Amino acid sequence: MLEAYRRRNWPEARESLARCRNDAPDLLKTFFDLYEERINDNEADPPPDDWDGVYVALTK
């Protein structure tokens, strides 16, 4: 999932996230929710060409 995320392949990242979420313990639910939100945000407003995979939070 993270590899696809860093390559900006949002559909593949989303698909991998769903598979990971199904196999993961409930403890990781928040982690996957966070990445799902980031994928949605990046898909709606793509990062710049020189993006290094780091997510910059704009709100607290």
C-alpha atoms as a PDB file:
ATOM      1  CA  MET A   1       0.000   0.000   0.000  1.00  0.00           C
ATOM      2  CA  LEU A   2       2.736   2.462   0.944  1.00  0.00           C
ATOM      3  CA  GLU A   3       4.698   1.740  -2.223  1.00  0.00           C
ATOM      4  CA  ALA A   4       1.665   2.483  -4.391  1.00  0.00           C
ATOM      5  CA  TYR A   5       0.961   5.584  -2.284  1.00  0.00           C
ATOM      6  CA  ARG A   6       4.485   6.911  -2.785  1.00  0.00           C
ATOM      7  CA  ARG A   7       4.221   6.244  -6.534  1.00  0.00           C
ATOM      8  CA  ARG A   8       0.975   8.257  -6.588  1.00  0.00           C
ATOM      9  CA  ASN A   9      -0.966   5.281  -7.837  1.00  0.00           C
ATOM     10  CA  TRP A  10      -4.075   6.165  -5.855  1.00  0.00           C
ATOM     11  CA  PRO A  11      -6.358   3.369  -7.182  1.00  0.00           C
ATOM     12  CA  GLU A  12      -3.742   0.706  -6.400  1.00  0.00           C
ATOM     13  CA  ALA A  13      -3.035   2.254  -2.997  1.00  0.00           C
ATOM     14  CA  ARG A  14      -6.753   2.262  -2.189  1.00  0.00           C
ATOM     15  CA  GLU A  15      -7.127  -1.373  -3.279  1.00  0.00           C
ATOM     16  CA  SER A  16      -4.086  -2.443  -1.251  1.00  0.00           C
ATOM     17  CA  LEU A  17      -5.363  -0.487   1.735  1.00  0.00           C
ATOM     18  CA  ALA A  18      -8.641  -2.388   1.629  1.00  0.00           C
ATOM     19  CA  ARG A  19      -6.811  -5.728   1.590  1.00  0.00           C
ATOM     20  CA  CYS A  20      -4.520  -4.644   4.426  1.00  0.00           C
ATOM     21  CA  ARG A  21      -7.454  -3.395   6.468  1.00  0.00           C
ATOM     22  CA  ASN A  22      -9.232  -6.743   6.130  1.00  0.00           C
ATOM     23  CA  ASP A  23      -6.189  -8.641   7.418  1.00  0.00           C
ATOM     24  CA  ALA A  24      -5.126  -6.201  10.139  1.00  0.00           C
ATOM     25  CA  PRO A  25      -6.123  -6.122  13.795  1.00  0.00           C
ATOM     26  CA  ASP A  26      -8.554  -3.436  14.945  1.00  0.00           C
ATOM     27  CA  LEU A  27      -5.627  -1.606  16.528  1.00  0.00           C
ATOM     28  CA  LEU A  28      -4.548  -0.459  13.035  1.00  0.00           C
ATOM     29  CA  LYS A  29      -7.980   0.861  12.000  1.00  0.00           C
ATOM     30  CA  THR A  30      -6.976   4.472  12.738  1.00  0.00           C
ATOM     31  CA  PHE A  31      -3.792   4.082  10.667  1.00  0.00           C
ATOM     32  CA  PHE A  32      -5.745   2.863   7.647  1.00  0.00           C
ATOM     33  CA  ASP A  33      -8.408   5.546   8.105  1.00  0.00           C
ATOM     34  CA  LEU A  34      -5.647   8.165   8.077  1.00  0.00           C
ATOM     35  CA  TYR A  35      -4.126   6.841   4.848  1.00  0.00           C
ATOM     36  CA  GLU A  36      -7.523   6.528   3.210  1.00  0.00           C
ATOM     37  CA  GLU A  37      -8.110  10.221   3.933  1.00  0.00           C
ATOM     38  CA  ARG A  38      -4.659  11.113   2.572  1.00  0.00           C
ATOM     39  CA  ILE A  39      -5.262   9.116  -0.603  1.00  0.00           C
ATOM     40  CA  ASN A  40      -8.588  10.919  -1.107  1.00  0.00           C
ATOM     41  CA  ASP A  41      -6.958  14.310  -0.492  1.00  0.00           C
ATOM     42  CA  ASN A  42      -4.055  13.593  -2.855  1.00  0.00           C
ATOM     43  CA  GLU A  43      -6.363  12.283  -5.535  1.00  0.00           C
ATOM     44  CA  ALA A  44      -8.526  15.419  -5.338  1.00  0.00           C
ATOM     45  CA  ASP A  45      -5.535  17.780  -5.159  1.00  0.00           C
ATOM     46  CA  PRO A  46      -2.408  15.996  -6.467  1.00  0.00           C
ATOM     47  CA  PRO A  47       0.923  16.773  -4.851  1.00  0.00           C
ATOM     48  CA  PRO A  48       3.593  18.651  -6.859  1.00  0.00           C
ATOM     49  CA  ASP A  49       5.924  16.827  -9.250  1.00  0.00           C
ATOM     50  CA  ASP A  50       8.797  16.950  -6.753  1.00  0.00           C
ATOM     51  CA  TRP A  51       6.698  15.341  -3.969  1.00  0.00           C
ATOM     52  CA  ASP A  52       8.766  13.018  -1.794  1.00  0.00           C
ATOM     53  CA  GLY A  53       5.872  11.085  -0.263  1.00  0.00           C
ATOM     54  CA  VAL A  54       5.647  13.223   2.849  1.00  0.00           C
ATOM     55  CA  TYR A  55       2.173  14.391   3.842  1.00  0.00           C
ATOM     56  CA  VAL A  56       2.028  18.003   4.992  1.00  0.00           C
ATOM     57  CA  ALA A  57      -0.770  18.584   7.481  1.00  0.00           C
ATOM     58  CA  LEU A  58      -2.535  21.885   6.902  1.00  0.00           C
ATOM     59  CA  THR A  59      -4.716  21.714  10.021  1.00  0.00           C
ATOM     60  CA  LYS A  60      -4.275  20.452  13.506  1.00  0.00           C
END
